[in-house]
PDB file of N, CA and C in Angstrom:
ATOM      1  N   MET A   1    -106.008   3.909 135.060  1.00  0.00           N
ATOM      2  CA  MET A   1    -104.865   4.729 135.398  1.00  0.00           C
ATOM      3  C   MET A   1    -103.940   3.926 136.301  1.00  0.00           C
ATOM      4  N   THR A   2    -102.658   3.962 135.991  1.00  0.00           N
ATOM      5  CA  THR A   2    -101.647   3.279 136.786  1.00  0.00           C
ATOM      6  C   THR A   2    -100.831   4.328 137.532  1.00  0.00           C
ATOM      7  N   TRP A   3    -101.134   4.501 138.798  1.00  0.00           N
ATOM      8  CA  TRP A   3    -100.488   5.540 139.598  1.00  0.00           C
ATOM      9  C   TRP A   3     -99.043   5.218 139.916  1.00  0.00           C
ATOM     10  N   GLU A   4     -98.659   3.952 139.868  1.00  0.00           N
ATOM     11  CA  GLU A   4     -97.305   3.550 140.211  1.00  0.00           C
ATOM     12  C   GLU A   4     -96.350   3.668 139.034  1.00  0.00           C
ATOM     13  N   ALA A   5     -96.812   4.127 137.897  1.00  0.00           N
ATOM     14  CA  ALA A   5     -95.962   4.252 136.713  1.00  0.00           C
ATOM     15  C   ALA A   5     -94.795   5.202 136.993  1.00  0.00           C
ATOM     16  N   PRO A   6     -93.627   4.924 136.406  1.00  0.00           N
ATOM     17  CA  PRO A   6     -92.469   5.790 136.631  1.00  0.00           C
ATOM     18  C   PRO A   6     -92.732   7.253 136.257  1.00  0.00           C
ATOM     19  N   ASN A   7     -93.493   7.475 135.206  1.00  0.00           N
ATOM     20  CA  ASN A   7     -93.832   8.834 134.796  1.00  0.00           C
ATOM     21  C   ASN A   7     -95.344   8.989 134.890  1.00  0.00           C
ATOM     22  N   ALA A   8     -95.846   9.240 136.094  1.00  0.00           N
ATOM     23  CA  ALA A   8     -97.293   9.295 136.328  1.00  0.00           C
ATOM     24  C   ALA A   8     -97.961  10.400 135.517  1.00  0.00           C
ATOM     25  N   ALA A   9     -97.278  11.520 135.301  1.00  0.00           N
ATOM     26  CA  ALA A   9     -97.872  12.623 134.544  1.00  0.00           C
ATOM     27  C   ALA A   9     -98.140  12.198 133.097  1.00  0.00           C
ATOM     28  N   GLU A  10     -97.184  11.525 132.485  1.00  0.00           N
ATOM     29  CA  GLU A  10     -97.363  11.060 131.103  1.00  0.00           C
ATOM     30  C   GLU A  10     -98.424   9.956 131.047  1.00  0.00           C
ATOM     31  N   THR A  11     -98.399   9.069 132.026  1.00  0.00           N
ATOM     32  CA  THR A  11     -99.407   8.007 132.084  1.00  0.00           C
ATOM     33  C   THR A  11    -100.799   8.604 132.214  1.00  0.00           C
ATOM     34  N   PHE A  12    -100.938   9.653 133.022  1.00  0.00           N
ATOM     35  CA  PHE A  12    -102.228  10.306 133.181  1.00  0.00           C
ATOM     36  C   PHE A  12    -102.667  10.975 131.884  1.00  0.00           C
ATOM     37  N   ARG A  13    -101.722  11.584 131.170  1.00  0.00           N
ATOM     38  CA  ARG A  13    -102.052  12.220 129.891  1.00  0.00           C
ATOM     39  C   ARG A  13    -102.630  11.197 128.908  1.00  0.00           C
ATOM     40  N   ILE A  14    -102.007  10.035 128.838  1.00  0.00           N
ATOM     41  CA  ILE A  14    -102.487   8.966 127.959  1.00  0.00           C
ATOM     42  C   ILE A  14    -103.835   8.439 128.450  1.00  0.00           C
ATOM     43  N   PHE A  15    -103.977   8.275 129.767  1.00  0.00           N
ATOM     44  CA  PHE A  15    -105.253   7.840 130.345  1.00  0.00           C
ATOM     45  C   PHE A  15    -106.374   8.798 129.947  1.00  0.00           C
ATOM     46  N   LYS A  16    -106.123  10.085 130.083  1.00  0.00           N
ATOM     47  CA  LYS A  16    -107.134  11.094 129.743  1.00  0.00           C
ATOM     48  C   LYS A  16    -107.501  10.999 128.271  1.00  0.00           C
ATOM     49  N   GLN A  17    -106.502  10.878 127.425  1.00  0.00           N
ATOM     50  CA  GLN A  17    -106.750  10.772 125.985  1.00  0.00           C
ATOM     51  C   GLN A  17    -107.608   9.542 125.671  1.00  0.00           C
ATOM     52  N   LYS A  18    -107.275   8.406 126.264  1.00  0.00           N
ATOM     53  CA  LYS A  18    -108.037   7.179 126.020  1.00  0.00           C
ATOM     54  C   LYS A  18    -109.468   7.299 126.530  1.00  0.00           C
ATOM     55  N   LEU A  19    -109.628   7.864 127.721  1.00  0.00           N
ATOM     56  CA  LEU A  19    -110.961   7.980 128.292  1.00  0.00           C
ATOM     57  C   LEU A  19    -111.839   8.899 127.441  1.00  0.00           C
ATOM     58  N   LEU A  20    -111.271   9.986 126.954  1.00  0.00           N
ATOM     59  CA  LEU A  20    -112.036  10.888 126.095  1.00  0.00           C
ATOM     60  C   LEU A  20    -112.425  10.205 124.785  1.00  0.00           C
ATOM     61  N   LEU A  21    -111.537   9.363 124.258  1.00  0.00           N
ATOM     62  CA  LEU A  21    -111.869   8.604 123.049  1.00  0.00           C
ATOM     63  C   LEU A  21    -113.001   7.610 123.309  1.00  0.00           C
ATOM     64  N   VAL A  22    -112.949   6.943 124.457  1.00  0.00           N
ATOM     65  CA  VAL A  22    -114.011   5.991 124.814  1.00  0.00           C
ATOM     66  C   VAL A  22    -115.347   6.718 124.936  1.00  0.00           C
ATOM     67  N   CYS A  23    -115.351   7.864 125.606  1.00  0.00           N
ATOM     68  CA  CYS A  23    -116.590   8.629 125.755  1.00  0.00           C
ATOM     69  C   CYS A  23    -117.119   9.084 124.399  1.00  0.00           C
ATOM     70  N   GLU A  24    -116.226   9.523 123.541  1.00  0.00           N
ATOM     71  CA  GLU A  24    -116.643   9.951 122.205  1.00  0.00           C
ATOM     72  C   GLU A  24    -117.194   8.779 121.406  1.00  0.00           C
ATOM     73  N   ASP A  25    -116.502   7.642 121.476  1.00  0.00           N
ATOM     74  CA  ASP A  25    -116.922   6.461 120.732  1.00  0.00           C
ATOM     75  C   ASP A  25    -118.272   5.942 121.204  1.00  0.00           C
ATOM     76  N   ASN A  26    -118.539   6.044 122.503  1.00  0.00           N
ATOM     77  CA  ASN A  26    -119.807   5.571 123.063  1.00  0.00           C
ATOM     78  C   ASN A  26    -120.856   6.674 123.139  1.00  0.00           C
ATOM     79  N   ASP A  27    -120.545   7.829 122.561  1.00  0.00           N
ATOM     80  CA  ASP A  27    -121.465   8.967 122.513  1.00  0.00           C
ATOM     81  C   ASP A  27    -121.918   9.396 123.914  1.00  0.00           C
ATOM     82  N   VAL A  28    -120.960   9.403 124.841  1.00  0.00           N
ATOM     83  CA  VAL A  28    -121.232   9.869 126.198  1.00  0.00           C
ATOM     84  C   VAL A  28    -120.925  11.359 126.227  1.00  0.00           C
ATOM     85  N   GLN A  29    -121.976  12.187 126.341  1.00  0.00           N
ATOM     86  CA  GLN A  29    -121.798  13.631 126.288  1.00  0.00           C
ATOM     87  C   GLN A  29    -122.243  14.333 127.569  1.00  0.00           C
ATOM     88  N   ASP A  30    -123.060  13.675 128.346  1.00  0.00           N
ATOM     89  CA  ASP A  30    -123.528  14.258 129.600  1.00  0.00           C
ATOM     90  C   ASP A  30    -122.340  14.414 130.550  1.00  0.00           C
ATOM     91  N   PRO A  31    -122.057  15.631 131.006  1.00  0.00           N
ATOM     92  CA  PRO A  31    -120.890  15.844 131.879  1.00  0.00           C
ATOM     93  C   PRO A  31    -120.882  14.959 133.123  1.00  0.00           C
ATOM     94  N   LYS A  32    -122.034  14.709 133.714  1.00  0.00           N
ATOM     95  CA  LYS A  32    -122.084  13.847 134.900  1.00  0.00           C
ATOM     96  C   LYS A  32    -121.646  12.425 134.570  1.00  0.00           C
ATOM     97  N   LYS A  33    -122.031  11.951 133.390  1.00  0.00           N
ATOM     98  CA  LYS A  33    -121.639  10.601 132.981  1.00  0.00           C
ATOM     99  C   LYS A  33    -120.150  10.537 132.660  1.00  0.00           C
ATOM    100  N   VAL A  34    -119.630  11.583 132.045  1.00  0.00           N
ATOM    101  CA  VAL A  34    -118.190  11.631 131.766  1.00  0.00           C
ATOM    102  C   VAL A  34    -117.427  11.641 133.091  1.00  0.00           C
ATOM    103  N   ALA A  35    -117.890  12.445 134.044  1.00  0.00           N
ATOM    104  CA  ALA A  35    -117.249  12.502 135.365  1.00  0.00           C
ATOM    105  C   ALA A  35    -117.280  11.131 136.031  1.00  0.00           C
ATOM    106  N   ARG A  36    -118.371  10.417 135.888  1.00  0.00           N
ATOM    107  CA  ARG A  36    -118.476   9.075 136.468  1.00  0.00           C
ATOM    108  C   ARG A  36    -117.468   8.131 135.811  1.00  0.00           C
ATOM    109  N   LYS A  37    -117.306   8.245 134.493  1.00  0.00           N
ATOM    110  CA  LYS A  37    -116.321   7.409 133.786  1.00  0.00           C
ATOM    111  C   LYS A  37    -114.904   7.720 134.275  1.00  0.00           C
ATOM    112  N   ILE A  38    -114.612   9.003 134.505  1.00  0.00           N
ATOM    113  CA  ILE A  38    -113.304   9.386 135.028  1.00  0.00           C
ATOM    114  C   ILE A  38    -113.095   8.727 136.387  1.00  0.00           C
ATOM    115  N   GLN A  39    -114.091   8.815 137.253  1.00  0.00           N
ATOM    116  CA  GLN A  39    -113.965   8.266 138.600  1.00  0.00           C
ATOM    117  C   GLN A  39    -113.815   6.748 138.577  1.00  0.00           C
ATOM    118  N   ILE A  40    -114.433   6.088 137.636  1.00  0.00           N
ATOM    119  CA  ILE A  40    -114.267   4.642 137.502  1.00  0.00           C
ATOM    120  C   ILE A  40    -112.850   4.321 137.043  1.00  0.00           C
ATOM    121  N   GLY A  41    -112.332   5.105 136.116  1.00  0.00           N
ATOM    122  CA  GLY A  41    -111.033   4.828 135.513  1.00  0.00           C
ATOM    123  C   GLY A  41    -109.832   5.172 136.364  1.00  0.00           C
ATOM    124  N   ILE A  42    -109.988   6.018 137.360  1.00  0.00           N
ATOM    125  CA  ILE A  42    -108.823   6.442 138.147  1.00  0.00           C
ATOM    126  C   ILE A  42    -108.383   5.401 139.177  1.00  0.00           C
ATOM    127  N   ASN A  43    -109.142   4.346 139.292  1.00  0.00           N
ATOM    128  CA  ASN A  43    -108.792   3.231 140.182  1.00  0.00           C
ATOM    129  C   ASN A  43    -108.765   3.636 141.652  1.00  0.00           C
ATOM    130  N   ASP A  44    -108.333   2.713 142.499  1.00  0.00           N
ATOM    131  CA  ASP A  44    -108.399   2.912 143.951  1.00  0.00           C
ATOM    132  C   ASP A  44    -107.583   4.113 144.428  1.00  0.00           C
ATOM    133  N   GLU A  45    -106.352   4.229 143.947  1.00  0.00           N
ATOM    134  CA  GLU A  45    -105.499   5.337 144.395  1.00  0.00           C
ATOM    135  C   GLU A  45    -106.095   6.679 143.988  1.00  0.00           C
ATOM    136  N   GLY A  46    -106.626   6.755 142.797  1.00  0.00           N
ATOM    137  CA  GLY A  46    -107.263   7.991 142.352  1.00  0.00           C
ATOM    138  C   GLY A  46    -108.483   8.331 143.192  1.00  0.00           C
ATOM    139  N   LEU A  47    -109.254   7.313 143.546  1.00  0.00           N
ATOM    140  CA  LEU A  47    -110.423   7.553 144.400  1.00  0.00           C
ATOM    141  C   LEU A  47    -109.994   8.003 145.794  1.00  0.00           C
ATOM    142  N   ARG A  48    -108.915   7.429 146.312  1.00  0.00           N
ATOM    143  CA  ARG A  48    -108.410   7.878 147.616  1.00  0.00           C
ATOM    144  C   ARG A  48    -108.030   9.357 147.559  1.00  0.00           C
ATOM    145  N   ARG A  49    -107.334   9.729 146.504  1.00  0.00           N
ATOM    146  CA  ARG A  49    -106.939  11.134 146.340  1.00  0.00           C
ATOM    147  C   ARG A  49    -108.159  12.027 146.206  1.00  0.00           C
ATOM    148  N   LEU A  50    -109.132  11.590 145.433  1.00  0.00           N
ATOM    149  CA  LEU A  50    -110.346  12.372 145.223  1.00  0.00           C
ATOM    150  C   LEU A  50    -111.140  12.498 146.519  1.00  0.00           C
ATOM    151  N   ASN A  51    -111.260  11.414 147.265  1.00  0.00           N
ATOM    152  CA  ASN A  51    -112.001  11.439 148.525  1.00  0.00           C
ATOM    153  C   ASN A  51    -111.331  12.344 149.562  1.00  0.00           C
ATOM    154  N   ALA A  52    -110.006  12.442 149.498  1.00  0.00           N
ATOM    155  CA  ALA A  52    -109.271  13.282 150.447  1.00  0.00           C
ATOM    156  C   ALA A  52    -109.206  14.745 149.994  1.00  0.00           C
ATOM    157  N   SER A  53    -109.719  15.017 148.814  1.00  0.00           N
ATOM    158  CA  SER A  53    -109.643  16.375 148.266  1.00  0.00           C
ATOM    159  C   SER A  53    -110.707  17.278 148.879  1.00  0.00           C
ATOM    160  N   SER A  54    -110.587  18.545 148.571  1.00  0.00           N
ATOM    161  CA  SER A  54    -111.584  19.517 149.034  1.00  0.00           C
ATOM    162  C   SER A  54    -112.671  19.754 147.990  1.00  0.00           C
ATOM    163  N   LEU A  55    -112.701  18.928 146.950  1.00  0.00           N
ATOM    164  CA  LEU A  55    -113.746  19.082 145.932  1.00  0.00           C
ATOM    165  C   LEU A  55    -115.113  18.719 146.510  1.00  0.00           C
ATOM    166  N   SER A  56    -116.086  19.543 146.194  1.00  0.00           N
ATOM    167  CA  SER A  56    -117.455  19.261 146.641  1.00  0.00           C
ATOM    168  C   SER A  56    -118.062  18.162 145.771  1.00  0.00           C
ATOM    169  N   GLU A  57    -119.194  17.652 146.184  1.00  0.00           N
ATOM    170  CA  GLU A  57    -119.880  16.631 145.384  1.00  0.00           C
ATOM    171  C   GLU A  57    -120.270  17.188 144.016  1.00  0.00           C
ATOM    172  N   VAL A  58    -120.616  18.456 143.968  1.00  0.00           N
ATOM    173  CA  VAL A  58    -120.958  19.108 142.692  1.00  0.00           C
ATOM    174  C   VAL A  58    -119.718  19.184 141.809  1.00  0.00           C
ATOM    175  N   ASP A  59    -118.576  19.550 142.405  1.00  0.00           N
ATOM    176  CA  ASP A  59    -117.324  19.618 141.649  1.00  0.00           C
ATOM    177  C   ASP A  59    -116.940  18.255 141.091  1.00  0.00           C
ATOM    178  N   LYS A  60    -117.241  17.205 141.844  1.00  0.00           N
ATOM    179  CA  LYS A  60    -116.896  15.852 141.410  1.00  0.00           C
ATOM    180  C   LYS A  60    -117.748  15.381 140.242  1.00  0.00           C
ATOM    181  N   GLU A  61    -118.785  16.145 139.908  1.00  0.00           N
ATOM    182  CA  GLU A  61    -119.624  15.828 138.755  1.00  0.00           C
ATOM    183  C   GLU A  61    -119.224  16.654 137.529  1.00  0.00           C
ATOM    184  N   ASP A  62    -118.164  17.431 137.644  1.00  0.00           N
ATOM    185  CA  ASP A  62    -117.690  18.299 136.566  1.00  0.00           C
ATOM    186  C   ASP A  62    -116.371  17.741 136.019  1.00  0.00           C
ATOM    187  N   PRO A  63    -116.389  17.206 134.805  1.00  0.00           N
ATOM    188  CA  PRO A  63    -115.172  16.610 134.257  1.00  0.00           C
ATOM    189  C   PRO A  63    -113.984  17.576 134.222  1.00  0.00           C
ATOM    190  N   ALA A  64    -114.216  18.827 133.891  1.00  0.00           N
ATOM    191  CA  ALA A  64    -113.124  19.803 133.818  1.00  0.00           C
ATOM    192  C   ALA A  64    -112.454  19.970 135.178  1.00  0.00           C
ATOM    193  N   LYS A  65    -113.241  19.990 136.234  1.00  0.00           N
ATOM    194  CA  LYS A  65    -112.680  20.145 137.581  1.00  0.00           C
ATOM    195  C   LYS A  65    -111.935  18.887 138.009  1.00  0.00           C
ATOM    196  N   LEU A  66    -112.418  17.718 137.608  1.00  0.00           N
ATOM    197  CA  LEU A  66    -111.707  16.474 137.914  1.00  0.00           C
ATOM    198  C   LEU A  66    -110.366  16.425 137.189  1.00  0.00           C
ATOM    199  N   TRP A  67    -110.373  16.739 135.896  1.00  0.00           N
ATOM    200  CA  TRP A  67    -109.120  16.734 135.138  1.00  0.00           C
ATOM    201  C   TRP A  67    -108.124  17.710 135.762  1.00  0.00           C
ATOM    202  N   LYS A  68    -108.576  18.899 136.086  1.00  0.00           N
ATOM    203  CA  LYS A  68    -107.689  19.910 136.664  1.00  0.00           C
ATOM    204  C   LYS A  68    -107.123  19.434 138.001  1.00  0.00           C
ATOM    205  N   PHE A  69    -107.966  18.847 138.829  1.00  0.00           N
ATOM    206  CA  PHE A  69    -107.521  18.348 140.132  1.00  0.00           C
ATOM    207  C   PHE A  69    -106.359  17.368 139.971  1.00  0.00           C
ATOM    208  N   PHE A  70    -106.529  16.388 139.096  1.00  0.00           N
ATOM    209  CA  PHE A  70    -105.487  15.379 138.931  1.00  0.00           C
ATOM    210  C   PHE A  70    -104.266  15.937 138.207  1.00  0.00           C
ATOM    211  N   GLU A  71    -104.474  16.774 137.219  1.00  0.00           N
ATOM    212  CA  GLU A  71    -103.335  17.369 136.517  1.00  0.00           C
ATOM    213  C   GLU A  71    -102.518  18.247 137.460  1.00  0.00           C
ATOM    214  N   ASP A  72    -103.177  18.990 138.340  1.00  0.00           N
ATOM    215  CA  ASP A  72    -102.458  19.813 139.320  1.00  0.00           C
ATOM    216  C   ASP A  72    -101.638  18.947 140.264  1.00  0.00           C
ATOM    217  N   GLN A  73    -102.164  17.797 140.644  1.00  0.00           N
ATOM    218  CA  GLN A  73    -101.428  16.906 141.543  1.00  0.00           C
ATOM    219  C   GLN A  73    -100.193  16.308 140.869  1.00  0.00           C
ATOM    220  N   LEU A  74    -100.283  16.098 139.572  1.00  0.00           N
ATOM    221  CA  LEU A  74     -99.188  15.431 138.864  1.00  0.00           C
ATOM    222  C   LEU A  74     -98.207  16.397 138.233  1.00  0.00           C
ATOM    223  N   ARG A  75     -98.496  17.680 138.303  1.00  0.00           N
ATOM    224  CA  ARG A  75     -97.592  18.671 137.724  1.00  0.00           C
ATOM    225  C   ARG A  75     -96.300  18.684 138.530  1.00  0.00           C
ATOM    226  N   VAL A  76     -95.208  18.562 137.827  1.00  0.00           N
ATOM    227  CA  VAL A  76     -93.897  18.529 138.481  1.00  0.00           C
ATOM    228  C   VAL A  76     -93.305  19.920 138.411  1.00  0.00           C
ATOM    229  N   SER A  77     -92.944  20.445 139.560  1.00  0.00           N
ATOM    230  CA  SER A  77     -92.279  21.746 139.597  1.00  0.00           C
ATOM    231  C   SER A  77     -90.817  21.564 139.216  1.00  0.00           C
ATOM    232  N   VAL A  78     -90.342  22.439 138.370  1.00  0.00           N
ATOM    233  CA  VAL A  78     -88.958  22.368 137.931  1.00  0.00           C
ATOM    234  C   VAL A  78     -88.232  23.573 138.506  1.00  0.00           C
ATOM    235  N   ASN A  79     -87.108  23.316 139.143  1.00  0.00           N
ATOM    236  CA  ASN A  79     -86.280  24.385 139.673  1.00  0.00           C
ATOM    237  C   ASN A  79     -85.175  24.644 138.658  1.00  0.00           C
ATOM    238  N   PHE A  80     -85.273  25.776 137.961  1.00  0.00           N
ATOM    239  CA  PHE A  80     -84.312  26.080 136.903  1.00  0.00           C
ATOM    240  C   PHE A  80     -82.944  26.473 137.450  1.00  0.00           C
ATOM    241  N   ARG A  81     -82.818  26.677 138.737  1.00  0.00           N
ATOM    242  CA  ARG A  81     -81.527  27.045 139.325  1.00  0.00           C
ATOM    243  C   ARG A  81     -80.609  25.850 139.507  1.00  0.00           C
ATOM    244  N   ILE A  82     -81.192  24.670 139.489  1.00  0.00           N
ATOM    245  CA  ILE A  82     -80.372  23.464 139.700  1.00  0.00           C
ATOM    246  C   ILE A  82     -79.545  23.170 138.466  1.00  0.00           C
TER     247      ILE A  82
END
């Protein structure tokens, strides 16, 4: 994952897609192992964000909770009044 990308949300979407393909290709189905792959792939900045989060150690072993955490951080609020 490249956090410095101009469009981090789109970069994260592609990162997620690639990581899921890698897990599928390598037959990684155990949620804890998938979560570990996510944590490896998010690089230093992602680990800093994860370490500073309020996610418990159990939550950090749940791929769905990891994806949601990062997607929530990258969601851009749009003000339709502008």
